[in-house]
Amino acid sequence: MKIDIAHIAKLSRLQIQPEKMEKFEKDMSAIVDMVDRLPDMTDTLTLDAENPMHLREDVAVAHKFRRDELLANAPEVQSGCLVVPKTVE
């Protein structure tokens, strides 16, 4: 599969040096080929009944940090809130 890395870079607003284009094209082709083979691989995967996975229990921690502790790391705070740059005119 031919992948146009220059077009992808333009769409994603990335600057890729011309000497690295061929390497990125090979890497991207390998990734796409691997993803294409994934459905074939799922048929051979089985779960091991003798060694089940034991997941930890999710426990919510309430009030781990105080508000003033969190805001101490912010670059700018006003009236107890973070000040961020205006993004919409």
PDB file of N, CA and C in Angstrom:
ATOM      1  N   MET A   1       0.848  -1.172   0.000  1.00  0.00           N
ATOM      2  CA  MET A   1       0.000   0.000   0.000  1.00  0.00           C
ATOM      3  C   MET A   1       0.895   1.238   0.000  1.00  0.00           C
ATOM      4  N   LYS A   2       0.617   2.143  -0.896  1.00  0.00           N
ATOM      5  CA  LYS A   2       1.381   3.386  -1.002  1.00  0.00           C
ATOM      6  C   LYS A   2       0.728   4.438  -0.106  1.00  0.00           C
ATOM      7  N   ILE A   3       1.500   4.974   0.813  1.00  0.00           N
ATOM      8  CA  ILE A   3       1.002   5.986   1.744  1.00  0.00           C
ATOM      9  C   ILE A   3       1.702   7.297   1.445  1.00  0.00           C
ATOM     10  N   ASP A   4       0.923   8.350   1.261  1.00  0.00           N
ATOM     11  CA  ASP A   4       1.475   9.667   0.944  1.00  0.00           C
ATOM     12  C   ASP A   4       1.775  10.416   2.246  1.00  0.00           C
ATOM     13  N   ILE A   5       3.002  10.270   2.721  1.00  0.00           N
ATOM     14  CA  ILE A   5       3.410  10.881   3.984  1.00  0.00           C
ATOM     15  C   ILE A   5       3.386  12.403   3.895  1.00  0.00           C
ATOM     16  N   ALA A   6       3.735  12.957   2.739  1.00  0.00           N
ATOM     17  CA  ALA A   6       3.724  14.418   2.578  1.00  0.00           C
ATOM     18  C   ALA A   6       2.308  14.958   2.774  1.00  0.00           C
ATOM     19  N   HIS A   7       1.325  14.254   2.238  1.00  0.00           N
ATOM     20  CA  HIS A   7      -0.075  14.689   2.388  1.00  0.00           C
ATOM     21  C   HIS A   7      -0.536  14.565   3.844  1.00  0.00           C
ATOM     22  N   ILE A   8      -0.170  13.460   4.483  1.00  0.00           N
ATOM     23  CA  ILE A   8      -0.528  13.273   5.896  1.00  0.00           C
ATOM     24  C   ILE A   8       0.128  14.354   6.752  1.00  0.00           C
ATOM     25  N   ALA A   9       1.390  14.663   6.471  1.00  0.00           N
ATOM     26  CA  ALA A   9       2.102  15.703   7.221  1.00  0.00           C
ATOM     27  C   ALA A   9       1.426  17.057   7.033  1.00  0.00           C
ATOM     28  N   LYS A  10       0.994  17.339   5.812  1.00  0.00           N
ATOM     29  CA  LYS A  10       0.319  18.618   5.545  1.00  0.00           C
ATOM     30  C   LYS A  10      -1.003  18.700   6.312  1.00  0.00           C
ATOM     31  N   LEU A  11      -1.780  17.615   6.291  1.00  0.00           N
ATOM     32  CA  LEU A  11      -3.071  17.609   6.987  1.00  0.00           C
ATOM     33  C   LEU A  11      -2.902  17.745   8.496  1.00  0.00           C
ATOM     34  N   SER A  12      -1.852  17.139   9.032  1.00  0.00           N
ATOM     35  CA  SER A  12      -1.633  17.185  10.472  1.00  0.00           C
ATOM     36  C   SER A  12      -0.721  18.330  10.894  1.00  0.00           C
ATOM     37  N   ARG A  13      -0.353  19.145   9.921  1.00  0.00           N
ATOM     38  CA  ARG A  13       0.492  20.325  10.165  1.00  0.00           C
ATOM     39  C   ARG A  13       1.818  19.954  10.827  1.00  0.00           C
ATOM     40  N   LEU A  14       2.432  18.889  10.291  1.00  0.00           N
ATOM     41  CA  LEU A  14       3.743  18.445  10.758  1.00  0.00           C
ATOM     42  C   LEU A  14       4.785  18.810   9.714  1.00  0.00           C
ATOM     43  N   GLN A  15       5.964  19.139  10.177  1.00  0.00           N
ATOM     44  CA  GLN A  15       7.071  19.397   9.264  1.00  0.00           C
ATOM     45  C   GLN A  15       8.015  18.201   9.329  1.00  0.00           C
ATOM     46  N   ILE A  16       8.085  17.459   8.241  1.00  0.00           N
ATOM     47  CA  ILE A  16       8.949  16.285   8.178  1.00  0.00           C
ATOM     48  C   ILE A  16      10.051  16.589   7.181  1.00  0.00           C
ATOM     49  N   GLN A  17      11.274  16.346   7.593  1.00  0.00           N
ATOM     50  CA  GLN A  17      12.407  16.594   6.720  1.00  0.00           C
ATOM     51  C   GLN A  17      12.361  15.631   5.534  1.00  0.00           C
ATOM     52  N   PRO A  18      12.691  16.124   4.345  1.00  0.00           N
ATOM     53  CA  PRO A  18      12.590  15.277   3.137  1.00  0.00           C
ATOM     54  C   PRO A  18      13.378  13.973   3.232  1.00  0.00           C
ATOM     55  N   GLU A  19      14.537  13.988   3.889  1.00  0.00           N
ATOM     56  CA  GLU A  19      15.333  12.758   3.978  1.00  0.00           C
ATOM     57  C   GLU A  19      14.696  11.711   4.886  1.00  0.00           C
ATOM     58  N   LYS A  20      13.720  12.096   5.690  1.00  0.00           N
ATOM     59  CA  LYS A  20      13.049  11.155   6.592  1.00  0.00           C
ATOM     60  C   LYS A  20      11.719  10.656   6.035  1.00  0.00           C
ATOM     61  N   MET A  21      11.280  11.187   4.900  1.00  0.00           N
ATOM     62  CA  MET A  21       9.986  10.804   4.323  1.00  0.00           C
ATOM     63  C   MET A  21       9.918   9.313   4.012  1.00  0.00           C
ATOM     64  N   GLU A  22      10.981   8.757   3.424  1.00  0.00           N
ATOM     65  CA  GLU A  22      10.977   7.342   3.039  1.00  0.00           C
ATOM     66  C   GLU A  22      10.865   6.439   4.270  1.00  0.00           C
ATOM     67  N   LYS A  23      11.582   6.791   5.341  1.00  0.00           N
ATOM     68  CA  LYS A  23      11.526   6.004   6.578  1.00  0.00           C
ATOM     69  C   LYS A  23      10.114   6.033   7.165  1.00  0.00           C
ATOM     70  N   PHE A  24       9.495   7.227   7.197  1.00  0.00           N
ATOM     71  CA  PHE A  24       8.141   7.331   7.730  1.00  0.00           C
ATOM     72  C   PHE A  24       7.150   6.546   6.876  1.00  0.00           C
ATOM     73  N   GLU A  25       7.364   6.551   5.562  1.00  0.00           N
ATOM     74  CA  GLU A  25       6.470   5.801   4.672  1.00  0.00           C
ATOM     75  C   GLU A  25       6.570   4.306   4.954  1.00  0.00           C
ATOM     76  N   LYS A  26       7.793   3.789   5.132  1.00  0.00           N
ATOM     77  CA  LYS A  26       7.971   2.370   5.448  1.00  0.00           C
ATOM     78  C   LYS A  26       7.344   2.030   6.795  1.00  0.00           C
ATOM     79  N   ASP A  27       7.581   2.877   7.801  1.00  0.00           N
ATOM     80  CA  ASP A  27       7.027   2.625   9.134  1.00  0.00           C
ATOM     81  C   ASP A  27       5.499   2.635   9.110  1.00  0.00           C
ATOM     82  N   MET A  28       4.922   3.609   8.419  1.00  0.00           N
ATOM     83  CA  MET A  28       3.463   3.712   8.353  1.00  0.00           C
ATOM     84  C   MET A  28       2.874   2.518   7.609  1.00  0.00           C
ATOM     85  N   SER A  29       3.538   2.073   6.539  1.00  0.00           N
ATOM     86  CA  SER A  29       3.057   0.899   5.798  1.00  0.00           C
ATOM     87  C   SER A  29       3.090  -0.339   6.683  1.00  0.00           C
ATOM     88  N   ALA A  30       4.143  -0.490   7.481  1.00  0.00           N
ATOM     89  CA  ALA A  30       4.245  -1.634   8.389  1.00  0.00           C
ATOM     90  C   ALA A  30       3.126  -1.606   9.428  1.00  0.00           C
ATOM     91  N   ILE A  31       2.810  -0.436   9.930  1.00  0.00           N
ATOM     92  CA  ILE A  31       1.731  -0.304  10.917  1.00  0.00           C
ATOM     93  C   ILE A  31       0.388  -0.670  10.293  1.00  0.00           C
ATOM     94  N   VAL A  32       0.130  -0.158   9.096  1.00  0.00           N
ATOM     95  CA  VAL A  32      -1.142  -0.448   8.424  1.00  0.00           C
ATOM     96  C   VAL A  32      -1.253  -1.939   8.114  1.00  0.00           C
ATOM     97  N   ASP A  33      -0.159  -2.554   7.678  1.00  0.00           N
ATOM     98  CA  ASP A  33      -0.177  -4.001   7.401  1.00  0.00           C
ATOM     99  C   ASP A  33      -0.461  -4.794   8.670  1.00  0.00           C
ATOM    100  N   MET A  34       0.140  -4.384   9.786  1.00  0.00           N
ATOM    101  CA  MET A  34      -0.081  -5.079  11.045  1.00  0.00           C
ATOM    102  C   MET A  34      -1.556  -4.976  11.461  1.00  0.00           C
ATOM    103  N   VAL A  35      -2.139  -3.787  11.328  1.00  0.00           N
ATOM    104  CA  VAL A  35      -3.542  -3.594  11.694  1.00  0.00           C
ATOM    105  C   VAL A  35      -4.450  -4.411  10.780  1.00  0.00           C
ATOM    106  N   ASP A  36      -4.071  -4.525   9.496  1.00  0.00           N
ATOM    107  CA  ASP A  36      -4.863  -5.346   8.574  1.00  0.00           C
ATOM    108  C   ASP A  36      -4.863  -6.811   8.979  1.00  0.00           C
ATOM    109  N   ARG A  37      -3.780  -7.289   9.601  1.00  0.00           N
ATOM    110  CA  ARG A  37      -3.682  -8.692  10.003  1.00  0.00           C
ATOM    111  C   ARG A  37      -4.341  -8.969  11.358  1.00  0.00           C
ATOM    112  N   LEU A  38      -4.726  -7.966  12.108  1.00  0.00           N
ATOM    113  CA  LEU A  38      -5.293  -8.180  13.442  1.00  0.00           C
ATOM    114  C   LEU A  38      -6.524  -9.078  13.463  1.00  0.00           C
ATOM    115  N   PRO A  39      -7.494  -8.922  12.567  1.00  0.00           N
ATOM    116  CA  PRO A  39      -8.658  -9.821  12.641  1.00  0.00           C
ATOM    117  C   PRO A  39      -8.271 -11.289  12.498  1.00  0.00           C
ATOM    118  N   ASP A  40      -7.255 -11.605  11.715  1.00  0.00           N
ATOM    119  CA  ASP A  40      -6.814 -12.991  11.560  1.00  0.00           C
ATOM    120  C   ASP A  40      -6.217 -13.522  12.855  1.00  0.00           C
ATOM    121  N   MET A  41      -5.553 -12.670  13.598  1.00  0.00           N
ATOM    122  CA  MET A  41      -4.891 -13.076  14.828  1.00  0.00           C
ATOM    123  C   MET A  41      -5.886 -13.361  15.950  1.00  0.00           C
ATOM    124  N   THR A  42      -7.022 -12.679  15.960  1.00  0.00           N
ATOM    125  CA  THR A  42      -7.983 -12.841  17.059  1.00  0.00           C
ATOM    126  C   THR A  42      -8.606 -14.231  17.059  1.00  0.00           C
ATOM    127  N   ASP A  43      -8.613 -14.915  15.914  1.00  0.00           N
ATOM    128  CA  ASP A  43      -9.183 -16.255  15.858  1.00  0.00           C
ATOM    129  C   ASP A  43      -8.336 -17.263  16.636  1.00  0.00           C
ATOM    130  N   THR A  44      -7.034 -17.000  16.745  1.00  0.00           N
ATOM    131  CA  THR A  44      -6.139 -17.951  17.404  1.00  0.00           C
ATOM    132  C   THR A  44      -5.930 -17.648  18.883  1.00  0.00           C
ATOM    133  N   LEU A  45      -6.396 -16.504  19.355  1.00  0.00           N
ATOM    134  CA  LEU A  45      -6.190 -16.130  20.753  1.00  0.00           C
ATOM    135  C   LEU A  45      -7.209 -16.843  21.637  1.00  0.00           C
ATOM    136  N   THR A  46      -6.723 -17.404  22.724  1.00  0.00           N
ATOM    137  CA  THR A  46      -7.622 -18.046  23.677  1.00  0.00           C
ATOM    138  C   THR A  46      -7.269 -17.572  25.081  1.00  0.00           C
ATOM    139  N   LEU A  47      -8.235 -17.624  25.966  1.00  0.00           N
ATOM    140  CA  LEU A  47      -8.007 -17.257  27.351  1.00  0.00           C
ATOM    141  C   LEU A  47      -7.553 -18.481  28.129  1.00  0.00           C
ATOM    142  N   ASP A  48      -6.672 -18.260  29.068  1.00  0.00           N
ATOM    143  CA  ASP A  48      -6.155 -19.350  29.894  1.00  0.00           C
ATOM    144  C   ASP A  48      -7.027 -19.465  31.139  1.00  0.00           C
ATOM    145  N   ALA A  49      -7.852 -20.505  31.210  1.00  0.00           N
ATOM    146  CA  ALA A  49      -8.773 -20.683  32.333  1.00  0.00           C
ATOM    147  C   ALA A  49      -8.035 -20.991  33.627  1.00  0.00           C
ATOM    148  N   GLU A  50      -6.831 -21.519  33.522  1.00  0.00           N
ATOM    149  CA  GLU A  50      -6.057 -21.879  34.713  1.00  0.00           C
ATOM    150  C   GLU A  50      -5.394 -20.665  35.362  1.00  0.00           C
ATOM    151  N   ASN A  51      -5.193 -19.611  34.579  1.00  0.00           N
ATOM    152  CA  ASN A  51      -4.550 -18.396  35.091  1.00  0.00           C
ATOM    153  C   ASN A  51      -5.388 -17.168  34.759  1.00  0.00           C
ATOM    154  N   PRO A  52      -6.510 -17.000  35.431  1.00  0.00           N
ATOM    155  CA  PRO A  52      -7.351 -15.829  35.119  1.00  0.00           C
ATOM    156  C   PRO A  52      -6.690 -14.536  35.606  1.00  0.00           C
ATOM    157  N   MET A  53      -7.067 -13.450  34.951  1.00  0.00           N
ATOM    158  CA  MET A  53      -6.545 -12.149  35.366  1.00  0.00           C
ATOM    159  C   MET A  53      -7.329 -11.660  36.578  1.00  0.00           C
ATOM    160  N   HIS A  54      -6.627 -11.127  37.548  1.00  0.00           N
ATOM    161  CA  HIS A  54      -7.261 -10.548  38.722  1.00  0.00           C
ATOM    162  C   HIS A  54      -6.992  -9.047  38.686  1.00  0.00           C
ATOM    163  N   LEU A  55      -8.032  -8.288  38.436  1.00  0.00           N
ATOM    164  CA  LEU A  55      -7.898  -6.836  38.349  1.00  0.00           C
ATOM    165  C   LEU A  55      -8.118  -6.217  39.717  1.00  0.00           C
ATOM    166  N   ARG A  56      -7.446  -5.113  39.940  1.00  0.00           N
ATOM    167  CA  ARG A  56      -7.630  -4.433  41.215  1.00  0.00           C
ATOM    168  C   ARG A  56      -8.974  -3.731  41.227  1.00  0.00           C
ATOM    169  N   GLU A  57      -9.495  -3.536  42.407  1.00  0.00           N
ATOM    170  CA  GLU A  57     -10.761  -2.838  42.552  1.00  0.00           C
ATOM    171  C   GLU A  57     -10.516  -1.335  42.461  1.00  0.00           C
ATOM    172  N   ASP A  58     -11.306  -0.645  41.666  1.00  0.00           N
ATOM    173  CA  ASP A  58     -11.189   0.806  41.570  1.00  0.00           C
ATOM    174  C   ASP A  58     -11.838   1.437  42.787  1.00  0.00           C
ATOM    175  N   VAL A  59     -11.076   2.278  43.450  1.00  0.00           N
ATOM    176  CA  VAL A  59     -11.569   2.941  44.648  1.00  0.00           C
ATOM    177  C   VAL A  59     -11.408   4.444  44.448  1.00  0.00           C
ATOM    178  N   ALA A  60     -12.509   5.167  44.524  1.00  0.00           N
ATOM    179  CA  ALA A  60     -12.452   6.616  44.371  1.00  0.00           C
ATOM    180  C   ALA A  60     -11.928   7.233  45.661  1.00  0.00           C
ATOM    181  N   VAL A  61     -10.998   8.160  45.502  1.00  0.00           N
ATOM    182  CA  VAL A  61     -10.439   8.853  46.654  1.00  0.00           C
ATOM    183  C   VAL A  61     -11.005  10.267  46.647  1.00  0.00           C
ATOM    184  N   ALA A  62     -11.730  10.606  47.674  1.00  0.00           N
ATOM    185  CA  ALA A  62     -12.347  11.927  47.750  1.00  0.00           C
ATOM    186  C   ALA A  62     -11.463  12.866  48.561  1.00  0.00           C
ATOM    187  N   HIS A  63     -11.340  14.069  48.092  1.00  0.00           N
ATOM    188  CA  HIS A  63     -10.638  15.138  48.811  1.00  0.00           C
ATOM    189  C   HIS A  63      -9.193  14.768  49.124  1.00  0.00           C
ATOM    190  N   LYS A  64      -8.491  14.276  48.118  1.00  0.00           N
ATOM    191  CA  LYS A  64      -7.096  13.901  48.324  1.00  0.00           C
ATOM    192  C   LYS A  64      -6.220  15.149  48.425  1.00  0.00           C
ATOM    193  N   PHE A  65      -6.559  16.184  47.657  1.00  0.00           N
ATOM    194  CA  PHE A  65      -5.810  17.429  47.670  1.00  0.00           C
ATOM    195  C   PHE A  65      -6.733  18.588  48.028  1.00  0.00           C
ATOM    196  N   ARG A  66      -6.169  19.579  48.664  1.00  0.00           N
ATOM    197  CA  ARG A  66      -6.943  20.788  48.944  1.00  0.00           C
ATOM    198  C   ARG A  66      -6.837  21.708  47.727  1.00  0.00           C
ATOM    199  N   ARG A  67      -7.858  22.534  47.536  1.00  0.00           N
ATOM    200  CA  ARG A  67      -7.919  23.432  46.384  1.00  0.00           C
ATOM    201  C   ARG A  67      -6.706  24.359  46.342  1.00  0.00           C
ATOM    202  N   ASP A  68      -6.294  24.911  47.479  1.00  0.00           N
ATOM    203  CA  ASP A  68      -5.164  25.829  47.474  1.00  0.00           C
ATOM    204  C   ASP A  68      -3.861  25.121  47.106  1.00  0.00           C
ATOM    205  N   GLU A  69      -3.740  23.829  47.432  1.00  0.00           N
ATOM    206  CA  GLU A  69      -2.559  23.064  47.031  1.00  0.00           C
ATOM    207  C   GLU A  69      -2.503  22.901  45.511  1.00  0.00           C
ATOM    208  N   LEU A  70      -3.659  22.608  44.907  1.00  0.00           N
ATOM    209  CA  LEU A  70      -3.709  22.442  43.460  1.00  0.00           C
ATOM    210  C   LEU A  70      -3.452  23.754  42.730  1.00  0.00           C
ATOM    211  N   LEU A  71      -4.041  24.832  43.220  1.00  0.00           N
ATOM    212  CA  LEU A  71      -3.897  26.120  42.546  1.00  0.00           C
ATOM    213  C   LEU A  71      -2.512  26.723  42.747  1.00  0.00           C
ATOM    214  N   ALA A  72      -1.752  26.236  43.702  1.00  0.00           N
ATOM    215  CA  ALA A  72      -0.398  26.752  43.944  1.00  0.00           C
ATOM    216  C   ALA A  72       0.515  26.502  42.743  1.00  0.00           C
ATOM    217  N   ASN A  73       0.228  25.496  41.946  1.00  0.00           N
ATOM    218  CA  ASN A  73       1.049  25.174  40.778  1.00  0.00           C
ATOM    219  C   ASN A  73       0.598  25.886  39.510  1.00  0.00           C
ATOM    220  N   ALA A  74      -0.520  26.571  39.543  1.00  0.00           N
ATOM    221  CA  ALA A  74      -1.053  27.237  38.357  1.00  0.00           C
ATOM    222  C   ALA A  74      -0.267  28.519  38.062  1.00  0.00           C
ATOM    223  N   PRO A  75      -0.061  28.813  36.772  1.00  0.00           N
ATOM    224  CA  PRO A  75       0.674  30.026  36.437  1.00  0.00           C
ATOM    225  C   PRO A  75      -0.070  31.309  36.815  1.00  0.00           C
ATOM    226  N   GLU A  76      -1.418  31.279  36.739  1.00  0.00           N
ATOM    227  CA  GLU A  76      -2.189  32.473  37.095  1.00  0.00           C
ATOM    228  C   GLU A  76      -3.535  32.050  37.675  1.00  0.00           C
ATOM    229  N   VAL A  77      -3.878  32.630  38.816  1.00  0.00           N
ATOM    230  CA  VAL A  77      -5.129  32.325  39.510  1.00  0.00           C
ATOM    231  C   VAL A  77      -5.821  33.633  39.835  1.00  0.00           C
ATOM    232  N   GLN A  78      -7.146  33.645  39.656  1.00  0.00           N
ATOM    233  CA  GLN A  78      -7.924  34.830  39.994  1.00  0.00           C
ATOM    234  C   GLN A  78      -9.238  34.368  40.623  1.00  0.00           C
ATOM    235  N   SER A  79      -9.524  34.826  41.796  1.00  0.00           N
ATOM    236  CA  SER A  79     -10.748  34.483  42.529  1.00  0.00           C
ATOM    237  C   SER A  79     -10.916  32.978  42.691  1.00  0.00           C
ATOM    238  N   GLY A  80      -9.834  32.284  42.940  1.00  0.00           N
ATOM    239  CA  GLY A  80      -9.893  30.846  43.163  1.00  0.00           C
ATOM    240  C   GLY A  80     -10.077  30.016  41.914  1.00  0.00           C
ATOM    241  N   CYS A  81      -9.886  30.613  40.732  1.00  0.00           N
ATOM    242  CA  CYS A  81     -10.047  29.885  39.466  1.00  0.00           C
ATOM    243  C   CYS A  81      -8.791  30.054  38.616  1.00  0.00           C
ATOM    244  N   LEU A  82      -8.549  29.099  37.733  1.00  0.00           N
ATOM    245  CA  LEU A  82      -7.434  29.209  36.809  1.00  0.00           C
ATOM    246  C   LEU A  82      -7.740  30.245  35.734  1.00  0.00           C
ATOM    247  N   VAL A  83      -6.741  31.036  35.393  1.00  0.00           N
ATOM    248  CA  VAL A  83      -6.885  32.007  34.308  1.00  0.00           C
ATOM    249  C   VAL A  83      -6.202  31.409  33.088  1.00  0.00           C
ATOM    250  N   VAL A  84      -6.957  31.290  31.988  1.00  0.00           N
ATOM    251  CA  VAL A  84      -6.417  30.722  30.755  1.00  0.00           C
ATOM    252  C   VAL A  84      -6.551  31.742  29.618  1.00  0.00           C
ATOM    253  N   PRO A  85      -5.740  31.617  28.571  1.00  0.00           N
ATOM    254  CA  PRO A  85      -5.849  32.559  27.462  1.00  0.00           C
ATOM    255  C   PRO A  85      -7.203  32.450  26.766  1.00  0.00           C
ATOM    256  N   LYS A  86      -7.671  33.560  26.267  1.00  0.00           N
ATOM    257  CA  LYS A  86      -8.940  33.593  25.540  1.00  0.00           C
ATOM    258  C   LYS A  86      -8.749  32.865  24.228  1.00  0.00           C
ATOM    259  N   THR A  87      -9.651  31.913  23.909  1.00  0.00           N
ATOM    260  CA  THR A  87      -9.517  31.129  22.689  1.00  0.00           C
ATOM    261  C   THR A  87     -10.570  31.465  21.638  1.00  0.00           C
ATOM    262  N   VAL A  88     -11.657  32.094  22.028  1.00  0.00           N
ATOM    263  CA  VAL A  88     -12.726  32.432  21.101  1.00  0.00           C
ATOM    264  C   VAL A  88     -12.936  33.942  21.138  1.00  0.00           C
ATOM    265  N   GLU A  89     -12.994  34.512  19.978  1.00  0.00           N
ATOM    266  CA  GLU A  89     -13.233  35.967  19.891  1.00  0.00           C
ATOM    267  C   GLU A  89     -14.698  36.278  19.959  1.00  0.00           C
TER     268      GLU A  89
END
